[in-house]
């Protein structure tokens, strides 16, 4: 599912998506330990990977533009693709 996100550096993309009542998995409730909240960024208008997120991806296969929504913040109005 492709959704538009508004710039917001106070709420993670996971929180923004949940606030819109869009269903997204998050088994660890946003603690960057499960990887179920993965998304694909459709632009480069997002925050850099956090140290926690970088640690999560070590030893895992990460697709181009794939991020954890719980660790990503939207810097400008953009679009993301929710993994299904």
Protein backbone atom coordinates (compact mmCIF):
# COMPACT_ATOMS: atom_id res chain seq x y z
CA UNK A 1 0.00 0.00 0.00
CA UNK A 2 1.37 3.39 -0.98
CA UNK A 3 0.60 6.25 1.41
CA UNK A 4 1.49 9.93 1.65
CA UNK A 5 3.15 11.19 4.80
CA UNK A 6 3.36 14.75 6.07
CA UNK A 7 6.60 16.20 7.37
CA UNK A 8 6.85 15.58 11.10
CA UNK A 9 10.15 15.27 12.95
CA UNK A 10 8.45 14.61 16.29
CA UNK A 11 6.61 11.39 15.41
CA UNK A 12 8.15 8.36 13.74
CA UNK A 13 6.56 7.11 10.54
CA UNK A 14 5.20 4.19 12.55
CA UNK A 15 3.40 6.59 14.89
CA UNK A 16 2.10 8.69 12.00
CA UNK A 17 0.79 5.62 10.19
CA UNK A 18 -0.87 4.28 13.33
CA UNK A 19 -2.44 7.71 14.01
CA UNK A 20 -4.11 7.44 10.60
CA UNK A 21 -5.57 4.10 11.70
CA UNK A 22 -3.71 2.27 8.92
CA UNK A 23 -2.80 -1.27 9.89
CA UNK A 24 0.95 -1.86 10.18
CA UNK A 25 2.70 -4.64 12.05
CA UNK A 26 4.88 -3.70 15.00
CA UNK A 27 5.44 -6.72 17.21
CA UNK A 28 8.02 -4.91 19.38
CA UNK A 29 5.86 -1.75 19.62
CA UNK A 30 8.45 0.51 18.00
CA UNK A 31 11.62 -0.69 19.73
CA UNK A 32 13.46 -1.64 16.51
CA UNK A 33 13.91 -5.25 17.53
CA UNK A 34 11.41 -7.20 15.41
CA UNK A 35 11.58 -5.65 11.93
CA UNK A 36 7.87 -6.11 11.26
CA UNK A 37 7.30 -2.39 10.60
CA UNK A 38 9.50 -2.34 7.48
CA UNK A 39 8.60 0.16 4.79
CA UNK A 40 10.03 1.26 1.44
CA UNK A 41 10.83 4.96 1.09
CA UNK A 42 9.77 6.42 -2.25
CA UNK A 43 11.97 9.51 -1.90
CA UNK A 44 14.97 10.71 0.07
CA UNK A 45 13.05 13.13 2.29
CA UNK A 46 13.55 11.13 5.47
CA UNK A 47 15.85 11.06 8.46
CA UNK A 48 19.13 9.13 8.35
CA UNK A 49 19.26 5.67 9.88
CA UNK A 50 19.58 5.80 13.64
CA UNK A 51 22.36 3.85 15.41
CA UNK A 52 19.66 1.47 16.69
CA UNK A 53 18.40 0.87 13.16
CA UNK A 54 21.93 0.36 11.80
CA UNK A 55 22.48 -2.27 14.48
CA UNK A 56 19.21 -3.97 13.52
CA UNK A 57 20.27 -4.29 9.86
CA UNK A 58 23.68 -5.86 10.65
CA UNK A 59 23.69 -9.37 9.21
CA UNK A 60 20.26 -8.93 7.59
CA UNK A 61 19.32 -8.37 3.99
CA UNK A 62 18.13 -4.80 3.45
CA UNK A 63 16.53 -3.83 0.16
CA UNK A 64 17.22 -0.46 -1.40
CA UNK A 65 15.25 2.28 0.41
CA UNK A 66 13.98 -0.24 3.02
CA UNK A 67 13.71 1.16 6.54
CA UNK A 68 12.09 0.51 9.89
CA UNK A 69 9.15 2.88 10.23
CA UNK A 70 9.68 3.08 14.00
CA UNK A 71 13.12 4.63 13.44
CA UNK A 72 12.31 6.87 10.47
CA UNK A 73 11.08 10.46 10.48
CA UNK A 74 9.59 12.34 7.55
CA UNK A 75 11.46 15.60 6.84
CA UNK A 76 9.29 16.77 3.93
CA UNK A 77 5.92 15.63 2.62
CA UNK A 78 6.65 12.28 0.93
CA UNK A 79 5.35 8.84 0.07
CA UNK A 80 6.16 5.44 1.48
CA UNK A 81 5.23 1.91 0.49
CA UNK A 82 3.98 -0.34 3.28
CA UNK A 83 5.29 -3.88 3.08
CA UNK A 84 2.57 -6.48 2.93
